[in-house]
N, C-alpha and C. Protein backbone atom coordinates (compact mmCIF):
# COMPACT_ATOMS: atom_id res chain seq x y z
N UNK A 1 0.86 -1.18 0.00
CA UNK A 1 0.00 -0.01 -0.01
C UNK A 1 0.88 1.25 0.01
N UNK A 2 0.69 2.18 -0.93
CA UNK A 2 1.59 3.37 -1.01
C UNK A 2 1.40 4.27 0.21
N UNK A 3 2.49 4.91 0.59
CA UNK A 3 2.42 5.86 1.73
C UNK A 3 1.61 7.05 1.38
N UNK A 4 0.93 7.61 2.38
CA UNK A 4 0.13 8.83 2.18
C UNK A 4 1.03 10.01 1.91
N UNK A 5 0.75 10.77 0.87
CA UNK A 5 1.50 12.00 0.57
C UNK A 5 0.91 13.14 1.44
N UNK A 6 1.70 13.80 2.20
CA UNK A 6 1.20 14.83 3.10
C UNK A 6 1.44 16.21 2.54
N UNK A 7 0.40 17.02 2.55
CA UNK A 7 0.48 18.38 2.04
C UNK A 7 -0.05 19.36 3.09
N UNK A 8 0.42 20.61 3.02
CA UNK A 8 0.00 21.62 3.95
C UNK A 8 -1.13 22.43 3.29
N UNK A 9 -2.29 22.38 3.94
CA UNK A 9 -3.47 23.13 3.45
C UNK A 9 -3.37 24.60 3.88
N UNK A 10 -3.68 25.51 2.99
CA UNK A 10 -3.77 26.93 3.37
C UNK A 10 -4.99 27.10 4.28
N UNK A 11 -4.90 28.03 5.21
CA UNK A 11 -6.03 28.24 6.11
C UNK A 11 -7.32 28.56 5.35
N UNK A 12 -8.36 27.83 5.70
CA UNK A 12 -9.67 28.05 5.07
C UNK A 12 -10.61 28.57 6.13
N UNK A 13 -10.97 29.85 6.01
CA UNK A 13 -11.88 30.43 6.99
C UNK A 13 -13.22 29.73 7.02
N UNK A 14 -13.78 29.39 5.85
CA UNK A 14 -15.05 28.74 5.79
C UNK A 14 -15.02 27.36 6.46
N UNK A 15 -13.97 26.58 6.14
CA UNK A 15 -13.86 25.26 6.76
C UNK A 15 -13.70 25.37 8.28
N UNK A 16 -12.90 26.35 8.72
CA UNK A 16 -12.65 26.53 10.13
C UNK A 16 -13.95 26.85 10.86
N UNK A 17 -14.72 27.80 10.28
CA UNK A 17 -15.98 28.21 10.94
C UNK A 17 -17.00 27.03 10.97
N UNK A 18 -17.08 26.29 9.86
CA UNK A 18 -18.06 25.21 9.87
C UNK A 18 -17.63 24.06 10.79
N UNK A 19 -16.33 23.84 10.90
CA UNK A 19 -15.86 22.82 11.84
C UNK A 19 -16.13 23.28 13.31
N UNK A 20 -15.88 24.56 13.59
CA UNK A 20 -16.20 25.05 14.89
C UNK A 20 -17.65 24.86 15.22
N UNK A 21 -18.51 25.20 14.29
CA UNK A 21 -19.97 25.01 14.49
C UNK A 21 -20.30 23.53 14.71
N UNK A 22 -19.70 22.66 13.93
CA UNK A 22 -19.97 21.24 14.07
C UNK A 22 -19.53 20.69 15.44
N UNK A 23 -18.33 21.09 15.86
CA UNK A 23 -17.87 20.64 17.18
C UNK A 23 -18.78 21.16 18.29
N UNK A 24 -19.19 22.42 18.18
CA UNK A 24 -20.06 23.00 19.22
C UNK A 24 -21.43 22.31 19.24
N UNK A 25 -21.98 22.03 18.08
CA UNK A 25 -23.32 21.42 18.01
C UNK A 25 -23.25 19.99 18.51
N UNK A 26 -22.26 19.25 18.12
CA UNK A 26 -22.11 17.83 18.52
C UNK A 26 -21.83 17.69 20.02
N UNK A 27 -21.26 18.75 20.64
CA UNK A 27 -20.83 18.70 22.04
C UNK A 27 -21.76 19.43 22.97
N UNK A 28 -22.91 19.93 22.45
CA UNK A 28 -23.74 20.82 23.27
C UNK A 28 -24.32 20.10 24.49
N UNK A 29 -24.46 18.79 24.45
CA UNK A 29 -25.01 18.07 25.60
C UNK A 29 -23.90 17.56 26.53
N UNK A 30 -22.65 17.80 26.16
CA UNK A 30 -21.56 17.28 27.00
C UNK A 30 -21.27 18.20 28.18
N UNK A 31 -21.20 17.59 29.36
CA UNK A 31 -21.09 18.36 30.59
C UNK A 31 -19.88 19.28 30.63
N UNK A 32 -18.75 18.78 30.10
CA UNK A 32 -17.49 19.57 30.29
C UNK A 32 -17.12 20.38 29.05
N UNK A 33 -17.98 20.48 28.09
CA UNK A 33 -17.62 21.25 26.89
C UNK A 33 -17.49 22.75 27.18
N UNK A 34 -16.38 23.30 26.76
CA UNK A 34 -16.14 24.72 26.92
C UNK A 34 -15.01 25.17 26.00
N UNK A 35 -14.44 26.32 26.26
CA UNK A 35 -13.41 26.87 25.38
C UNK A 35 -12.21 25.94 25.25
N UNK A 36 -11.77 25.36 26.35
CA UNK A 36 -10.58 24.50 26.32
C UNK A 36 -10.83 23.26 25.44
N UNK A 37 -12.00 22.62 25.63
CA UNK A 37 -12.28 21.42 24.86
C UNK A 37 -12.54 21.73 23.41
N UNK A 38 -13.07 22.91 23.11
CA UNK A 38 -13.20 23.31 21.70
C UNK A 38 -11.84 23.44 21.03
N UNK A 39 -10.90 24.07 21.76
CA UNK A 39 -9.51 24.18 21.22
C UNK A 39 -8.95 22.82 20.89
N UNK A 40 -9.14 21.88 21.80
CA UNK A 40 -8.52 20.57 21.67
C UNK A 40 -9.25 19.76 20.60
N UNK A 41 -10.55 19.94 20.47
CA UNK A 41 -11.35 19.21 19.46
C UNK A 41 -10.84 19.64 18.08
N UNK A 42 -10.68 20.91 17.85
CA UNK A 42 -10.17 21.43 16.60
C UNK A 42 -8.79 20.93 16.32
N UNK A 43 -7.91 20.99 17.36
CA UNK A 43 -6.53 20.55 17.22
C UNK A 43 -6.42 19.08 16.83
N UNK A 44 -7.07 18.22 17.59
CA UNK A 44 -6.97 16.82 17.33
C UNK A 44 -7.54 16.44 15.95
N UNK A 45 -8.67 17.11 15.60
CA UNK A 45 -9.26 16.79 14.30
C UNK A 45 -8.33 17.18 13.15
N UNK A 46 -7.72 18.35 13.24
CA UNK A 46 -6.78 18.78 12.19
C UNK A 46 -5.56 17.92 12.11
N UNK A 47 -4.96 17.61 13.26
CA UNK A 47 -3.67 16.87 13.25
C UNK A 47 -3.91 15.38 12.94
N UNK A 48 -5.04 14.82 13.39
CA UNK A 48 -5.31 13.45 13.05
C UNK A 48 -5.64 13.32 11.57
N UNK A 49 -6.32 14.29 11.03
CA UNK A 49 -6.65 14.26 9.58
C UNK A 49 -5.31 14.38 8.78
N UNK A 50 -4.39 15.21 9.26
CA UNK A 50 -3.12 15.33 8.55
C UNK A 50 -2.39 14.01 8.56
N UNK A 51 -2.39 13.34 9.67
CA UNK A 51 -1.64 12.09 9.81
C UNK A 51 -2.28 10.96 8.98
N UNK A 52 -3.60 10.88 9.00
CA UNK A 52 -4.24 9.72 8.33
C UNK A 52 -4.71 9.99 6.89
N UNK A 53 -5.07 11.27 6.63
CA UNK A 53 -5.59 11.57 5.29
C UNK A 53 -4.57 12.31 4.40
N UNK A 54 -3.52 12.85 5.04
CA UNK A 54 -2.51 13.54 4.28
C UNK A 54 -2.65 15.05 4.26
N UNK A 55 -3.73 15.59 4.85
CA UNK A 55 -3.94 17.03 4.87
C UNK A 55 -4.84 17.34 6.07
N UNK A 56 -4.59 18.52 6.68
CA UNK A 56 -5.46 18.93 7.77
C UNK A 56 -6.83 19.32 7.21
N UNK A 57 -7.80 19.51 8.10
CA UNK A 57 -9.14 19.85 7.68
C UNK A 57 -9.29 21.33 7.43
N UNK A 58 -8.66 22.18 8.27
CA UNK A 58 -8.87 23.64 8.16
C UNK A 58 -7.63 24.42 7.80
N UNK A 59 -6.43 23.86 8.03
CA UNK A 59 -5.20 24.59 7.77
C UNK A 59 -4.91 25.62 8.85
N UNK A 60 -5.62 25.61 9.98
CA UNK A 60 -5.38 26.56 11.05
C UNK A 60 -3.98 26.36 11.63
N UNK A 61 -3.40 27.46 12.18
CA UNK A 61 -2.13 27.42 12.91
C UNK A 61 -2.44 27.18 14.36
N UNK A 62 -1.74 26.19 14.96
CA UNK A 62 -1.96 25.87 16.38
C UNK A 62 -0.74 26.29 17.17
N UNK A 63 -0.98 27.16 18.17
CA UNK A 63 0.09 27.67 19.02
C UNK A 63 0.28 26.74 20.21
N UNK A 64 1.54 26.58 20.62
CA UNK A 64 1.87 25.76 21.78
C UNK A 64 1.77 26.62 23.03
N UNK A 65 0.54 26.80 23.52
CA UNK A 65 0.31 27.58 24.73
C UNK A 65 0.50 26.75 25.98
N UNK A 66 0.52 27.37 27.11
CA UNK A 66 0.82 26.68 28.38
C UNK A 66 -0.13 25.57 28.65
N UNK A 67 -1.41 25.77 28.35
CA UNK A 67 -2.43 24.72 28.67
C UNK A 67 -2.74 23.85 27.46
N UNK A 68 -1.85 23.87 26.48
CA UNK A 68 -2.03 22.99 25.32
C UNK A 68 -2.21 23.75 24.04
N UNK A 69 -2.38 23.00 22.95
CA UNK A 69 -2.51 23.67 21.60
C UNK A 69 -3.81 24.46 21.51
N UNK A 70 -3.74 25.57 20.80
CA UNK A 70 -4.94 26.38 20.54
C UNK A 70 -4.79 27.04 19.20
N UNK A 71 -5.84 27.09 18.38
CA UNK A 71 -5.72 27.70 17.02
C UNK A 71 -5.52 29.19 17.12
N UNK A 72 -4.52 29.69 16.42
CA UNK A 72 -4.23 31.15 16.39
C UNK A 72 -5.48 31.95 15.94
N UNK A 73 -6.22 31.40 14.99
CA UNK A 73 -7.31 32.12 14.40
C UNK A 73 -8.65 32.07 15.20
N UNK A 74 -8.66 31.34 16.29
CA UNK A 74 -9.92 31.04 16.99
C UNK A 74 -10.64 32.30 17.45
N UNK A 75 -9.97 33.13 18.24
CA UNK A 75 -10.65 34.29 18.89
C UNK A 75 -11.24 35.21 17.83
N UNK A 76 -10.47 35.54 16.80
CA UNK A 76 -10.97 36.45 15.76
C UNK A 76 -12.16 35.85 15.03
N UNK A 77 -12.08 34.55 14.66
CA UNK A 77 -13.16 33.93 13.93
C UNK A 77 -14.40 33.73 14.85
N UNK A 78 -14.18 33.33 16.05
CA UNK A 78 -15.31 33.17 16.98
C UNK A 78 -16.03 34.50 17.22
N UNK A 79 -15.27 35.56 17.46
CA UNK A 79 -15.91 36.87 17.70
C UNK A 79 -16.66 37.35 16.49
N UNK A 80 -16.13 37.11 15.29
CA UNK A 80 -16.82 37.47 14.08
C UNK A 80 -18.11 36.70 13.92
N UNK A 81 -18.08 35.40 14.29
CA UNK A 81 -19.24 34.57 14.21
C UNK A 81 -20.30 34.99 15.21
N UNK A 82 -19.86 35.49 16.39
CA UNK A 82 -20.81 36.02 17.37
C UNK A 82 -21.49 37.29 16.79
N UNK A 83 -20.70 38.15 16.19
CA UNK A 83 -21.25 39.37 15.60
C UNK A 83 -22.24 39.08 14.49
N UNK A 84 -21.96 37.98 13.74
CA UNK A 84 -22.85 37.63 12.62
C UNK A 84 -23.97 36.70 13.06
N UNK A 85 -24.05 36.45 14.38
CA UNK A 85 -25.08 35.61 14.98
C UNK A 85 -25.12 34.17 14.45
N UNK A 86 -23.92 33.66 14.24
CA UNK A 86 -23.80 32.22 13.90
C UNK A 86 -23.60 31.41 15.16
N UNK A 87 -22.98 32.04 16.20
CA UNK A 87 -22.78 31.40 17.50
C UNK A 87 -23.02 32.40 18.58
N UNK A 88 -23.21 31.87 19.78
CA UNK A 88 -23.31 32.75 20.96
C UNK A 88 -22.34 32.19 22.06
N UNK A 89 -21.96 33.02 22.99
CA UNK A 89 -21.09 32.57 24.07
C UNK A 89 -21.93 32.49 25.34
N UNK A 90 -21.92 31.35 25.94
CA UNK A 90 -22.59 31.14 27.21
C UNK A 90 -21.57 31.03 28.31
N UNK A 91 -21.60 31.98 29.23
CA UNK A 91 -20.64 32.01 30.33
C UNK A 91 -21.16 31.19 31.52
N UNK A 92 -20.32 30.27 31.93
CA UNK A 92 -20.62 29.43 33.11
C UNK A 92 -19.58 29.70 34.17
N UNK A 93 -19.71 28.97 35.28
CA UNK A 93 -18.84 29.25 36.44
C UNK A 93 -17.34 29.14 36.09
N UNK A 94 -16.99 28.05 35.35
CA UNK A 94 -15.56 27.81 35.10
C UNK A 94 -15.26 27.71 33.62
N UNK A 95 -16.16 28.12 32.76
CA UNK A 95 -15.88 27.96 31.33
C UNK A 95 -16.80 28.88 30.48
N UNK A 96 -16.33 29.09 29.28
CA UNK A 96 -17.13 29.81 28.28
C UNK A 96 -17.51 28.81 27.19
N UNK A 97 -18.77 28.62 26.99
CA UNK A 97 -19.25 27.61 26.04
C UNK A 97 -19.73 28.27 24.77
N UNK A 98 -19.25 27.78 23.60
CA UNK A 98 -19.77 28.25 22.34
C UNK A 98 -21.02 27.53 21.98
N UNK A 99 -22.10 28.26 21.69
CA UNK A 99 -23.37 27.70 21.35
C UNK A 99 -23.67 27.92 19.85
N UNK A 100 -23.88 26.87 19.11
CA UNK A 100 -24.14 26.99 17.69
C UNK A 100 -25.59 27.50 17.53
N UNK A 101 -25.75 28.56 16.68
CA UNK A 101 -27.07 29.13 16.41
C UNK A 101 -27.59 28.73 15.04
N UNK A 102 -26.83 27.93 14.33
CA UNK A 102 -27.29 27.43 13.04
C UNK A 102 -26.62 26.08 12.78
N UNK A 103 -27.13 25.37 11.85
CA UNK A 103 -26.51 24.09 11.44
C UNK A 103 -25.24 24.33 10.64
N UNK A 104 -24.21 23.54 10.81
CA UNK A 104 -22.99 23.70 10.00
C UNK A 104 -23.23 23.24 8.57
N UNK A 105 -22.58 23.86 7.66
CA UNK A 105 -22.61 23.45 6.23
C UNK A 105 -21.45 22.53 6.00
N UNK A 106 -21.75 21.26 5.80
CA UNK A 106 -20.68 20.23 5.66
C UNK A 106 -20.48 19.82 4.20
N UNK A 107 -20.98 20.58 3.29
CA UNK A 107 -20.88 20.21 1.87
C UNK A 107 -19.45 20.10 1.36
N UNK A 108 -18.54 20.86 1.99
CA UNK A 108 -17.14 20.89 1.52
C UNK A 108 -16.28 19.87 2.26
N UNK A 109 -16.88 19.09 3.16
CA UNK A 109 -16.10 18.10 3.93
C UNK A 109 -16.32 16.69 3.38
N UNK A 110 -15.28 15.88 3.46
CA UNK A 110 -15.44 14.51 3.04
C UNK A 110 -15.98 13.64 4.19
N UNK A 111 -16.47 12.48 3.85
CA UNK A 111 -16.96 11.60 4.89
C UNK A 111 -15.85 11.16 5.83
N UNK A 112 -14.65 11.00 5.32
CA UNK A 112 -13.51 10.60 6.13
C UNK A 112 -13.17 11.70 7.15
N UNK A 113 -13.26 12.97 6.71
CA UNK A 113 -12.97 14.08 7.63
C UNK A 113 -13.97 14.13 8.76
N UNK A 114 -15.27 14.00 8.42
CA UNK A 114 -16.30 14.04 9.47
C UNK A 114 -16.17 12.87 10.42
N UNK A 115 -15.78 11.72 9.89
CA UNK A 115 -15.56 10.54 10.74
C UNK A 115 -14.44 10.79 11.77
N UNK A 116 -13.40 11.49 11.34
CA UNK A 116 -12.33 11.79 12.26
C UNK A 116 -12.81 12.76 13.35
N UNK A 117 -13.54 13.78 12.97
CA UNK A 117 -14.09 14.74 13.97
C UNK A 117 -14.98 14.01 14.93
N UNK A 118 -15.86 13.18 14.43
CA UNK A 118 -16.77 12.41 15.35
C UNK A 118 -15.97 11.53 16.32
N UNK A 119 -14.88 10.95 15.81
CA UNK A 119 -14.06 10.11 16.70
C UNK A 119 -13.43 10.94 17.77
N UNK A 120 -12.94 12.13 17.44
CA UNK A 120 -12.30 12.99 18.42
C UNK A 120 -13.32 13.39 19.46
N UNK A 121 -14.48 13.85 19.02
CA UNK A 121 -15.51 14.33 19.94
C UNK A 121 -15.90 13.22 20.90
N UNK A 122 -16.07 12.01 20.40
CA UNK A 122 -16.47 10.88 21.21
C UNK A 122 -15.38 10.53 22.24
N UNK A 123 -14.12 10.58 21.84
CA UNK A 123 -13.02 10.15 22.71
C UNK A 123 -12.79 11.13 23.83
N UNK A 124 -13.11 12.38 23.65
CA UNK A 124 -12.83 13.37 24.70
C UNK A 124 -14.09 13.82 25.46
N UNK A 125 -15.23 13.25 25.14
CA UNK A 125 -16.48 13.74 25.65
C UNK A 125 -16.57 13.68 27.16
N UNK A 126 -15.97 12.72 27.80
CA UNK A 126 -16.09 12.56 29.27
C UNK A 126 -14.96 13.26 30.02
N UNK A 127 -14.01 13.88 29.27
CA UNK A 127 -12.86 14.54 29.90
C UNK A 127 -13.21 15.98 30.23
N UNK A 128 -12.75 16.45 31.41
CA UNK A 128 -12.93 17.87 31.69
C UNK A 128 -11.76 18.66 31.13
N UNK A 129 -11.78 19.98 31.31
CA UNK A 129 -10.75 20.85 30.71
C UNK A 129 -9.35 20.48 31.15
N UNK A 130 -9.17 20.15 32.42
CA UNK A 130 -7.88 19.79 32.92
C UNK A 130 -7.39 18.50 32.30
N UNK A 131 -8.27 17.51 32.22
CA UNK A 131 -7.91 16.21 31.64
C UNK A 131 -7.51 16.32 30.18
N UNK A 132 -8.28 17.07 29.39
CA UNK A 132 -7.97 17.18 27.95
C UNK A 132 -6.73 17.99 27.74
N UNK A 133 -6.44 18.95 28.61
CA UNK A 133 -5.19 19.67 28.50
C UNK A 133 -3.99 18.81 28.81
N UNK A 134 -4.11 18.02 29.87
CA UNK A 134 -3.04 17.07 30.24
C UNK A 134 -2.79 16.07 29.09
N UNK A 135 -3.86 15.62 28.45
CA UNK A 135 -3.72 14.68 27.32
C UNK A 135 -2.91 15.34 26.19
N UNK A 136 -3.25 16.58 25.90
CA UNK A 136 -2.51 17.25 24.78
C UNK A 136 -1.06 17.47 25.09
N UNK A 137 -0.67 17.55 26.38
CA UNK A 137 0.68 17.77 26.79
C UNK A 137 1.59 16.54 26.49
N UNK A 138 0.95 15.39 26.23
CA UNK A 138 1.71 14.22 25.87
C UNK A 138 2.12 14.22 24.41
N UNK A 139 1.56 15.11 23.61
CA UNK A 139 1.87 15.19 22.20
C UNK A 139 3.25 15.77 22.00
N UNK A 140 4.13 15.04 21.29
CA UNK A 140 5.50 15.46 21.14
C UNK A 140 5.64 16.80 20.43
N UNK A 141 4.74 17.08 19.47
CA UNK A 141 4.81 18.35 18.75
C UNK A 141 4.57 19.54 19.68
N UNK A 142 3.63 19.37 20.61
CA UNK A 142 3.38 20.45 21.59
C UNK A 142 4.59 20.59 22.50
N UNK A 143 5.17 19.51 22.94
CA UNK A 143 6.31 19.55 23.87
C UNK A 143 7.45 20.30 23.24
N UNK A 144 7.78 19.98 21.99
CA UNK A 144 8.93 20.61 21.31
C UNK A 144 8.65 22.11 21.07
N UNK A 145 7.45 22.40 20.58
CA UNK A 145 7.13 23.82 20.32
C UNK A 145 7.05 24.64 21.60
N UNK A 146 6.50 24.01 22.65
CA UNK A 146 6.41 24.70 23.95
C UNK A 146 7.79 24.98 24.54
N UNK A 147 8.67 24.03 24.40
CA UNK A 147 10.04 24.24 24.84
C UNK A 147 10.69 25.38 24.14
N UNK A 148 10.51 25.45 22.81
CA UNK A 148 11.07 26.56 22.06
C UNK A 148 10.42 27.90 22.45
N UNK A 149 9.12 27.86 22.73
CA UNK A 149 8.39 29.06 23.11
C UNK A 149 8.93 29.61 24.43
N UNK A 150 9.16 28.70 25.39
CA UNK A 150 9.66 29.13 26.71
C UNK A 150 11.09 29.62 26.59
N UNK A 151 11.88 29.03 25.65
CA UNK A 151 13.28 29.44 25.51
C UNK A 151 13.39 30.80 24.84
N UNK A 152 12.50 31.08 23.90
CA UNK A 152 12.63 32.30 23.10
C UNK A 152 11.66 33.42 23.59
N UNK A 153 10.66 33.07 24.41
CA UNK A 153 9.73 34.08 24.86
C UNK A 153 8.74 34.46 23.77
N UNK A 154 8.63 33.64 22.70
CA UNK A 154 7.73 33.95 21.59
C UNK A 154 6.72 32.82 21.44
N UNK A 155 5.56 33.15 20.83
CA UNK A 155 4.59 32.14 20.55
C UNK A 155 5.10 31.30 19.37
N UNK A 156 4.97 29.97 19.47
CA UNK A 156 5.47 29.09 18.45
C UNK A 156 4.32 28.21 17.89
N UNK A 157 4.26 28.13 16.60
CA UNK A 157 3.26 27.26 15.95
C UNK A 157 3.76 25.86 15.87
N UNK A 158 2.89 24.90 16.20
CA UNK A 158 3.20 23.48 16.15
C UNK A 158 3.14 23.01 14.71
N UNK A 159 4.24 22.52 14.15
CA UNK A 159 4.20 22.06 12.77
C UNK A 159 3.31 20.84 12.59
N UNK A 160 2.50 20.82 11.52
CA UNK A 160 1.65 19.66 11.26
C UNK A 160 2.51 18.38 11.12
N UNK A 161 3.69 18.55 10.61
CA UNK A 161 4.52 17.36 10.36
C UNK A 161 4.85 16.57 11.68
N UNK A 162 4.68 17.23 12.84
CA UNK A 162 4.95 16.54 14.07
C UNK A 162 3.86 15.50 14.35
N UNK A 163 2.77 15.53 13.64
CA UNK A 163 1.74 14.50 13.81
C UNK A 163 2.26 13.15 13.38
N UNK A 164 3.32 13.15 12.60
CA UNK A 164 3.92 11.93 12.09
C UNK A 164 5.03 11.38 13.01
N UNK A 165 5.35 12.14 14.02
CA UNK A 165 6.45 11.77 14.93
C UNK A 165 5.98 10.79 15.96
N UNK A 166 6.78 9.72 16.17
CA UNK A 166 6.39 8.69 17.18
C UNK A 166 7.31 8.82 18.36
N UNK A 167 7.04 7.97 19.35
CA UNK A 167 7.84 7.94 20.59
C UNK A 167 8.94 6.85 20.48
N UNK A 168 9.29 6.47 19.24
CA UNK A 168 10.37 5.49 19.07
C UNK A 168 11.72 6.10 19.57
N UNK A 169 12.63 5.23 20.05
CA UNK A 169 13.91 5.74 20.47
C UNK A 169 14.64 6.49 19.36
N UNK A 170 15.39 7.53 19.75
CA UNK A 170 16.10 8.37 18.78
C UNK A 170 17.29 7.61 18.19
N UNK A 171 17.54 7.83 16.91
CA UNK A 171 18.81 7.34 16.34
C UNK A 171 19.89 8.35 16.60
N UNK A 172 21.12 8.04 16.20
CA UNK A 172 22.25 8.88 16.53
C UNK A 172 22.15 10.26 15.87
N UNK A 173 21.58 10.32 14.68
CA UNK A 173 21.41 11.60 13.99
C UNK A 173 20.45 12.49 14.75
N UNK A 174 19.33 11.89 15.23
CA UNK A 174 18.33 12.67 15.96
C UNK A 174 18.89 13.12 17.29
N UNK A 175 19.66 12.28 17.94
CA UNK A 175 20.30 12.66 19.20
C UNK A 175 21.25 13.86 18.96
N UNK A 176 22.02 13.81 17.89
CA UNK A 176 22.95 14.87 17.56
C UNK A 176 22.21 16.20 17.30
N UNK A 177 21.07 16.08 16.57
CA UNK A 177 20.29 17.29 16.27
C UNK A 177 19.74 17.84 17.57
N UNK A 178 19.28 16.97 18.46
CA UNK A 178 18.78 17.43 19.76
C UNK A 178 19.84 18.15 20.56
N UNK A 179 21.08 17.66 20.50
CA UNK A 179 22.17 18.36 21.18
C UNK A 179 22.42 19.72 20.57
N UNK A 180 22.35 19.81 19.25
CA UNK A 180 22.53 21.08 18.59
C UNK A 180 21.50 22.09 19.05
N UNK A 181 20.23 21.67 19.15
CA UNK A 181 19.18 22.58 19.60
C UNK A 181 19.40 22.99 21.05
N UNK A 182 19.84 21.97 21.87
CA UNK A 182 20.12 22.30 23.25
C UNK A 182 21.20 23.36 23.44
N UNK A 183 22.26 23.24 22.57
CA UNK A 183 23.33 24.25 22.65
C UNK A 183 22.86 25.61 22.14
N UNK A 184 22.00 25.59 21.08
CA UNK A 184 21.50 26.82 20.54
C UNK A 184 20.70 27.63 21.56
N UNK A 185 19.84 26.91 22.29
CA UNK A 185 18.94 27.60 23.19
C UNK A 185 19.37 27.50 24.66
N UNK A 186 20.53 26.88 24.93
CA UNK A 186 21.03 26.81 26.27
C UNK A 186 20.21 25.92 27.23
N UNK A 187 19.60 24.85 26.67
CA UNK A 187 18.81 23.96 27.50
C UNK A 187 19.75 23.07 28.29
N UNK A 188 19.52 22.96 29.59
CA UNK A 188 20.34 22.08 30.44
C UNK A 188 19.63 20.75 30.55
N UNK A 189 19.69 19.94 29.48
CA UNK A 189 18.93 18.68 29.46
C UNK A 189 19.77 17.48 29.85
N UNK A 190 21.07 17.58 29.81
CA UNK A 190 21.96 16.51 30.22
C UNK A 190 23.11 17.12 31.00
N UNK A 191 23.55 16.38 31.97
CA UNK A 191 24.78 16.80 32.75
C UNK A 191 26.04 16.38 31.99
N UNK A 192 25.92 15.35 31.16
CA UNK A 192 27.07 14.93 30.34
C UNK A 192 26.54 14.47 29.01
N UNK A 193 27.38 14.43 28.02
CA UNK A 193 27.00 14.02 26.71
C UNK A 193 26.42 12.62 26.73
N UNK A 194 25.22 12.41 26.17
CA UNK A 194 24.61 11.07 26.19
C UNK A 194 25.42 10.09 25.41
N UNK A 195 25.46 8.84 25.89
CA UNK A 195 26.20 7.80 25.20
C UNK A 195 25.44 7.24 24.09
N UNK A 196 26.09 6.77 23.06
CA UNK A 196 25.40 6.15 21.92
C UNK A 196 24.79 4.86 22.36
N UNK A 197 23.88 4.32 21.54
CA UNK A 197 23.25 3.08 21.87
C UNK A 197 24.29 1.94 21.99
N UNK A 198 25.32 1.94 21.13
CA UNK A 198 26.36 0.91 21.18
C UNK A 198 27.05 0.93 22.52
N UNK A 199 27.42 2.15 22.96
CA UNK A 199 28.12 2.28 24.23
C UNK A 199 27.21 1.86 25.39
N UNK A 200 25.92 2.27 25.34
CA UNK A 200 24.98 1.92 26.38
C UNK A 200 24.79 0.42 26.44
N UNK A 201 24.75 -0.23 25.25
CA UNK A 201 24.57 -1.67 25.23
C UNK A 201 25.73 -2.40 25.82
N UNK A 202 26.96 -1.93 25.47
CA UNK A 202 28.15 -2.56 26.02
C UNK A 202 28.20 -2.45 27.53
N UNK A 203 27.82 -1.23 28.02
CA UNK A 203 27.84 -1.01 29.48
C UNK A 203 26.84 -1.84 30.19
N UNK A 204 25.65 -2.00 29.60
CA UNK A 204 24.60 -2.75 30.27
C UNK A 204 24.86 -4.26 30.24
N UNK A 205 25.65 -4.73 29.24
CA UNK A 205 25.91 -6.15 29.13
C UNK A 205 27.26 -6.54 29.75
N UNK A 206 28.03 -5.50 30.17
CA UNK A 206 29.35 -5.78 30.72
C UNK A 206 29.32 -6.17 32.18
C-alpha cells in the first residue's frame, strides 16, 4: 500500500468556521464542553486528519500555549461569528461555552474528515478541561514547540509534520540534532553528553 502524501493546506476560513460549528453542535450536551475542549477538538481533528488523510481539515495554525494547543485564528473567527449571529457565548462558572445558532454546512467536507471529527468528539467527551489539557501535553509536537516558546519568549506554531512523529527511540542523527538545539537555546537537558546506543549496550551487558 503506497504511503500517504502529506500536504499543507492553506487556512480556510469557511472550513474553520463550519468545523467550529460542528464541534459546538455535537458537544452541546456534553457536561464539560467549553473553550478548552473546543480548542482541543479542533486541534486533534486537524492533526489526526493530517496524519491519516495527508492534509489537515482547516489549515489553522496551532500555538503551543501553556495549557495545550490552541488555534491562532480562533478568537478572531469566533468573535466574528458572534457578531454575525452564527454562534453565541454562554458564560458558566468555570468555562465559556460556544453555542451553535445554526446548522453547520458540511458540503465541503469528506466523509472521512467528518468521521475523524466524530471520533475525536467521542473520545474526549467525558474529559474535563484539565484532563484534555493534560492529554494534549503528551503530544511530542506540543512539547517541542512549547520548549522553544519558553526558551525564546515567543509564541510558536506546532508544525503539522509533528503529527507523524512517534515515541520511538532516537537514532544517533536525531540525538545529535537534539544536542545542537540544546546548545543553541542553552537547555540544560543533560549533565554529560549522552552515550550512543552501542556504548549503552556494552555497558549494560558488561
